[in-house]
C-alpha atoms as a PDB file:
ATOM      1  CA  MET A   1      39.384  93.420 134.849  1.00  0.00           C
ATOM      2  CA  SER A   2      38.288  93.192 138.427  1.00  0.00           C
ATOM      3  CA  ILE A   3      37.557  90.037 140.393  1.00  0.00           C
ATOM      4  CA  ILE A   4      33.909  88.896 140.412  1.00  0.00           C
ATOM      5  CA  TYR A   5      32.527  87.700 143.745  1.00  0.00           C
ATOM      6  CA  ARG A   6      29.589  85.284 143.944  1.00  0.00           C
ATOM      7  CA  ALA A   7      28.092  87.205 146.890  1.00  0.00           C
ATOM      8  CA  THR A   8      28.225  90.472 144.954  1.00  0.00           C
ATOM      9  CA  LYS A   9      26.797  88.859 141.805  1.00  0.00           C
ATOM     10  CA  GLY A  10      24.069  87.083 143.791  1.00  0.00           C
ATOM     11  CA  ALA A  11      24.417  83.919 141.714  1.00  0.00           C
ATOM     12  CA  PRO A  12      26.961  81.167 141.069  1.00  0.00           C
ATOM     13  CA  LEU A  13      29.934  82.173 138.913  1.00  0.00           C
ATOM     14  CA  SER A  14      30.234  80.830 135.408  1.00  0.00           C
ATOM     15  CA  ALA A  15      33.316  78.886 134.301  1.00  0.00           C
ATOM     16  CA  ASP A  16      34.481  81.950 132.323  1.00  0.00           C
ATOM     17  CA  GLU A  17      34.112  84.188 135.419  1.00  0.00           C
ATOM     18  CA  ILE A  18      36.119  81.733 137.593  1.00  0.00           C
ATOM     19  CA  ASP A  19      38.830  81.527 134.923  1.00  0.00           C
ATOM     20  CA  GLY A  20      38.786  85.331 134.691  1.00  0.00           C
ATOM     21  CA  ASN A  21      39.300  85.624 138.465  1.00  0.00           C
ATOM     22  CA  PHE A  22      42.301  83.259 138.348  1.00  0.00           C
ATOM     23  CA  LYS A  23      43.731  85.119 135.345  1.00  0.00           C
ATOM     24  CA  GLU A  24      43.362  88.477 137.134  1.00  0.00           C
ATOM     25  CA  LEU A  25      45.098  87.134 140.276  1.00  0.00           C
ATOM     26  CA  GLU A  26      47.915  85.638 138.191  1.00  0.00           C
ATOM     27  CA  GLU A  27      48.471  88.958 136.356  1.00  0.00           C
ATOM     28  CA  ARG A  28      48.562  90.893 139.632  1.00  0.00           C
ATOM     29  CA  LEU A  29      51.032  88.417 141.147  1.00  0.00           C
ATOM     30  CA  THR A  30      53.261  88.531 138.054  1.00  0.00           C
ATOM     31  CA  HIS A  31      53.258  92.341 138.172  1.00  0.00           C
ATOM     32  CA  LEU A  32      54.311  92.306 141.850  1.00  0.00           C
ATOM     33  CA  GLU A  33      57.082  89.813 141.120  1.00  0.00           C
ATOM     34  CA  GLU A  34      58.385  91.873 138.193  1.00  0.00           C
ATOM     35  CA  HIS A  35      57.991  95.253 139.966  1.00  0.00           C
ATOM     36  CA  PRO A  36      58.749  94.728 143.641  1.00  0.00           C
ATOM     37  CA  GLU A  37      57.821  97.644 145.869  1.00  0.00           C
ATOM     38  CA  ARG A  38      60.875  99.436 147.109  1.00  0.00           C
ATOM     39  CA  GLY A  39      61.254  99.324 150.831  1.00  0.00           C
ATOM     40  CA  GLU A  40      62.315 102.216 152.935  1.00  0.00           C
ATOM     41  CA  GLY A  41      66.006 102.968 152.755  1.00  0.00           C
ATOM     42  CA  ILE A  42      68.301 105.446 154.432  1.00  0.00           C
ATOM     43  CA  GLY A  43      67.285 108.888 153.262  1.00  0.00           C
ATOM     44  CA  LYS A  44      69.355 111.132 155.501  1.00  0.00           C
ATOM     45  CA  ILE A  45      72.270 110.798 157.900  1.00  0.00           C
ATOM     46  CA  GLN A  46      72.665 113.563 160.462  1.00  0.00           C
ATOM     47  CA  VAL A  47      75.825 113.862 162.559  1.00  0.00           C
ATOM     48  CA  VAL A  48      75.857 116.261 165.496  1.00  0.00           C
ATOM     49  CA  ASN A  49      78.892 116.106 167.776  1.00  0.00           C
ATOM     50  CA  ASP A  50      79.286 112.424 168.710  1.00  0.00           C
ATOM     51  CA  GLN A  51      75.778 111.322 167.648  1.00  0.00           C
ATOM     52  CA  MET A  52      74.613 110.008 164.279  1.00  0.00           C
ATOM     53  CA  THR A  53      70.880 109.819 163.449  1.00  0.00           C
ATOM     54  CA  LEU A  54      69.536 107.754 160.540  1.00  0.00           C
ATOM     55  CA  ILE A  55      66.290 108.907 158.920  1.00  0.00           C
ATOM     56  CA  GLY A  56      64.495 106.739 156.353  1.00  0.00           C
ATOM     57  CA  THR A  57      63.328 107.717 152.884  1.00  0.00           C
ATOM     58  CA  PHE A  58      59.741 107.649 154.181  1.00  0.00           C
ATOM     59  CA  GLY A  59      60.627 109.706 157.270  1.00  0.00           C
ATOM     60  CA  SER A  60      61.074 106.868 159.759  1.00  0.00           C
ATOM     61  CA  ASP A  61      63.586 107.483 162.543  1.00  0.00           C
ATOM     62  CA  PHE A  62      65.913 104.462 162.513  1.00  0.00           C
ATOM     63  CA  GLY A  63      67.618 105.659 165.666  1.00  0.00           C
ATOM     64  CA  THR A  64      70.466 107.694 167.073  1.00  0.00           C
ATOM     65  CA  PHE A  65      73.840 106.097 167.609  1.00  0.00           C
ATOM     66  CA  TYR A  66      76.881 107.317 169.514  1.00  0.00           C
ATOM     67  CA  LEU A  67      80.038 107.514 167.425  1.00  0.00           C
ATOM     68  CA  PRO A  68      83.263 106.275 168.970  1.00  0.00           C
ATOM     69  CA  LYS A  69      85.907 108.855 169.779  1.00  0.00           C
ATOM     70  CA  ALA A  70      89.609 108.286 169.747  1.00  0.00           C
ATOM     71  CA  SER A  71      91.201 109.504 172.962  1.00  0.00           C
ATOM     72  CA  LEU A  72      94.625 110.630 171.891  1.00  0.00           C
ATOM     73  CA  ASN A  73      97.167 111.100 174.668  1.00  0.00           C
ATOM     74  CA  PRO A  74      99.989 113.588 173.961  1.00  0.00           C
ATOM     75  CA  CYS A  75     103.184 112.324 175.664  1.00  0.00           C
ATOM     76  CA  GLY A  76     105.818 114.764 174.376  1.00  0.00           C
ATOM     77  CA  SER A  77     109.103 113.500 172.933  1.00  0.00           C
ATOM     78  CA  TRP A  78     109.698 109.773 172.519  1.00  0.00           C
ATOM     79  CA  THR A  79     111.843 108.325 175.309  1.00  0.00           C
ATOM     80  CA  SER A  80     113.256 104.832 175.813  1.00  0.00           C
ATOM     81  CA  GLN A  81     112.179 102.587 178.694  1.00  0.00           C
ATOM     82  CA  ILE A  82     108.678 104.125 178.839  1.00  0.00           C
ATOM     83  CA  PRO A  83     105.466 102.058 178.725  1.00  0.00           C
ATOM     84  CA  TYR A  84     103.428 103.445 175.818  1.00  0.00           C
ATOM     85  CA  GLN A  85      99.797 102.608 175.085  1.00  0.00           C
ATOM     86  CA  LYS A  86      97.781 102.587 171.901  1.00  0.00           C
ATOM     87  CA  LEU A  87      96.811 106.169 170.847  1.00  0.00           C
ATOM     88  CA  ASP A  88      99.722 107.804 172.709  1.00  0.00           C
ATOM     89  CA  LEU A  89     101.238 110.634 170.651  1.00  0.00           C
ATOM     90  CA  VAL A  90     104.969 111.380 170.630  1.00  0.00           C
ATOM     91  CA  THR A  91     107.332 113.453 168.580  1.00  0.00           C
ATOM     92  CA  TYR A  92     110.573 112.064 167.221  1.00  0.00           C
ATOM     93  CA  GLU A  93     112.881 113.885 164.790  1.00  0.00           C
ATOM     94  CA  ASN A  94     110.293 116.512 163.699  1.00  0.00           C
ATOM     95  CA  THR A  95     107.570 113.917 163.154  1.00  0.00           C
ATOM     96  CA  LEU A  96     104.419 113.320 165.164  1.00  0.00           C
ATOM     97  CA  TYR A  97     103.701 109.615 165.749  1.00  0.00           C
ATOM     98  CA  CYS A  98     100.700 107.715 167.112  1.00  0.00           C
ATOM     99  CA  CYS A  99     101.235 104.474 169.019  1.00  0.00           C
ATOM    100  CA  VAL A 100      99.477 101.535 167.346  1.00  0.00           C
ATOM    101  CA  ARG A 101     100.088  98.905 170.052  1.00  0.00           C
ATOM    102  CA  ASP A 102     100.951  98.815 173.745  1.00  0.00           C
ATOM    103  CA  HIS A 103     104.659  98.287 174.427  1.00  0.00           C
ATOM    104  CA  VAL A 104     107.608  99.363 176.550  1.00  0.00           C
ATOM    105  CA  SER A 105     110.027 101.396 174.455  1.00  0.00           C
ATOM    106  CA  THR A 106     113.568 100.171 173.911  1.00  0.00           C
ATOM    107  CA  THR A 107     115.312 101.892 170.992  1.00  0.00           C
ATOM    108  CA  TRP A 108     113.578 103.801 168.228  1.00  0.00           C
ATOM    109  CA  THR A 109     114.724 101.362 165.544  1.00  0.00           C
ATOM    110  CA  GLN A 110     113.314  98.419 167.533  1.00  0.00           C
ATOM    111  CA  ASP A 111     110.079 100.275 168.392  1.00  0.00           C
ATOM    112  CA  GLU A 112     109.482 101.808 164.952  1.00  0.00           C
ATOM    113  CA  GLY A 113     106.797  99.204 164.051  1.00  0.00           C
ATOM    114  CA  ALA A 114     104.747 100.272 167.085  1.00  0.00           C
ATOM    115  CA  TRP A 115     104.298 103.792 165.706  1.00  0.00           C
ATOM    116  CA  LYS A 116     102.384 105.303 162.766  1.00  0.00           C
ATOM    117  CA  ASP A 117     103.618 108.650 161.502  1.00  0.00           C
ATOM    118  CA  ILE A 118     100.886 111.279 161.552  1.00  0.00           C
ATOM    119  CA  LEU A 119     102.654 114.451 160.526  1.00  0.00           C
ATOM    120  CA  SER A 120     106.195 115.144 159.356  1.00  0.00           C
ATOM    121  CA  LEU A 121     107.467 118.686 159.495  1.00  0.00           C
ATOM    122  CA  PRO A 122     110.611 120.165 158.031  1.00  0.00           C
ATOM    123  CA  LYS A 123     113.384 120.729 160.533  1.00  0.00           C
ATOM    124  CA  PRO A 124     113.162 124.255 161.964  1.00  0.00           C
ATOM    125  CA  SER A 125     115.863 126.581 160.674  1.00  0.00           C
ATOM    126  CA  SER A 126     116.831 127.623 164.202  1.00  0.00           C
ATOM    127  CA  ASN A 127     116.583 126.186 167.699  1.00  0.00           C
ATOM    128  CA  THR A 128     114.100 128.835 168.835  1.00  0.00           C
ATOM    129  CA  LEU A 129     110.444 129.056 167.895  1.00  0.00           C
ATOM    130  CA  PRO A 130     108.663 132.381 167.423  1.00  0.00           C
ATOM    131  CA  LEU A 131     106.067 133.213 170.071  1.00  0.00           C
ATOM    132  CA  TYR A 132     102.738 134.684 168.953  1.00  0.00           C
ATOM    133  CA  GLU A 133      99.432 135.718 170.401  1.00  0.00           C
ATOM    134  CA  LYS A 134      96.382 134.961 168.257  1.00  0.00           C
ATOM    135  CA  ALA A 135      96.135 138.616 167.137  1.00  0.00           C
ATOM    136  CA  THR A 136      99.778 138.669 165.984  1.00  0.00           C
ATOM    137  CA  LEU A 137      99.797 135.470 163.886  1.00  0.00           C
ATOM    138  CA  PRO A 138     101.009 136.190 160.341  1.00  0.00           C
ATOM    139  CA  ARG A 139      98.383 135.431 157.698  1.00  0.00           C
ATOM    140  CA  GLU A 140     100.926 133.814 155.353  1.00  0.00           C
ATOM    141  CA  GLU A 141     103.939 131.709 156.238  1.00  0.00           C
ATOM    142  CA  ASN A 142     106.022 128.863 154.842  1.00  0.00           C
ATOM    143  CA  LEU A 143     104.384 125.431 154.841  1.00  0.00           C
ATOM    144  CA  GLY A 144     105.276 123.564 158.037  1.00  0.00           C
ATOM    145  CA  LYS A 145     106.496 126.640 159.922  1.00  0.00           C
ATOM    146  CA  LEU A 146     106.463 125.862 163.659  1.00  0.00           C
ATOM    147  CA  ALA A 147     105.658 128.442 166.335  1.00  0.00           C
ATOM    148  CA  LEU A 148     104.349 128.760 169.865  1.00  0.00           C
ATOM    149  CA  LEU A 149     100.968 130.334 170.557  1.00  0.00           C
ATOM    150  CA  LEU A 150     100.353 132.016 173.896  1.00  0.00           C
ATOM    151  CA  GLU A 151      96.787 131.236 174.981  1.00  0.00           C
ATOM    152  CA  GLU A 152      94.894 131.612 178.250  1.00  0.00           C
ATOM    153  CA  GLU A 153      95.424 127.875 178.912  1.00  0.00           C
ATOM    154  CA  GLY A 154      99.182 128.191 178.301  1.00  0.00           C
ATOM    155  CA  LEU A 155     101.482 127.578 175.334  1.00  0.00           C
ATOM    156  CA  ALA A 156     100.390 125.587 172.279  1.00  0.00           C
ATOM    157  CA  LEU A 157     102.675 124.237 169.553  1.00  0.00           C
ATOM    158  CA  ILE A 158     101.287 125.351 166.188  1.00  0.00           C
ATOM    159  CA  PHE A 159     102.280 125.023 162.528  1.00  0.00           C
ATOM    160  CA  PHE A 160     101.252 126.595 159.238  1.00  0.00           C
ATOM    161  CA  ASN A 161      99.518 123.996 157.009  1.00  0.00           C
ATOM    162  CA  GLY A 162      99.703 126.067 153.845  1.00  0.00           C
ATOM    163  CA  LYS A 163      96.422 127.893 154.440  1.00  0.00           C
ATOM    164  CA  THR A 164      95.985 128.472 158.179  1.00  0.00           C
ATOM    165  CA  TRP A 165      97.740 128.002 161.469  1.00  0.00           C
ATOM    166  CA  GLN A 166      96.830 124.740 163.199  1.00  0.00           C
ATOM    167  CA  ARG A 167      97.431 123.364 166.688  1.00  0.00           C
ATOM    168  CA  LEU A 168      99.822 120.427 166.396  1.00  0.00           C
ATOM    169  CA  LEU A 169      98.409 118.108 169.050  1.00  0.00           C
ATOM    170  CA  LYS A 170      94.731 119.087 168.883  1.00  0.00           C
ATOM    171  CA  GLY A 171      94.591 119.413 165.090  1.00  0.00           C
ATOM    172  CA  ASP A 172      92.108 122.305 165.079  1.00  0.00           C
ATOM    173  CA  ASN A 173      92.541 125.419 162.951  1.00  0.00           C
ATOM    174  CA  LEU A 174      93.047 128.845 164.488  1.00  0.00           C
END
């Protein structure tokens, strides 16, 4: 039923027509309460480099946001009496650690709570590491095998992760 307007009818409404109008409005309101219209939600998330864009289900652009980047700082081997800062990376006994709080190092056992282990590698079988160029890297190797890679920028410490060779400090695959 549709609502009857006095101006459209050109005469006063009857009591039944007024009741009908109220009944129609109540039914419409009840339907809206029982079936709320869904608002626009997140339909798509695009990440390109350090930017994330949110696009709504109806195509609205909710904006582009910059993603935070961790700035890791490779520091070499752990040494006592050194001021370390959060996100410093060190190696200690074939394990790569990331500093979780600023501190001045004392002994490893006292400082151990300031570090989170990132990657543990088996102890190399010899004191020398093989030296490769990218073209000479073996396709298969033992998991955790350490080597040096000669690149234009200099030497990089690499390891075999079971599938590919990976730079130890940068974390990217070769």
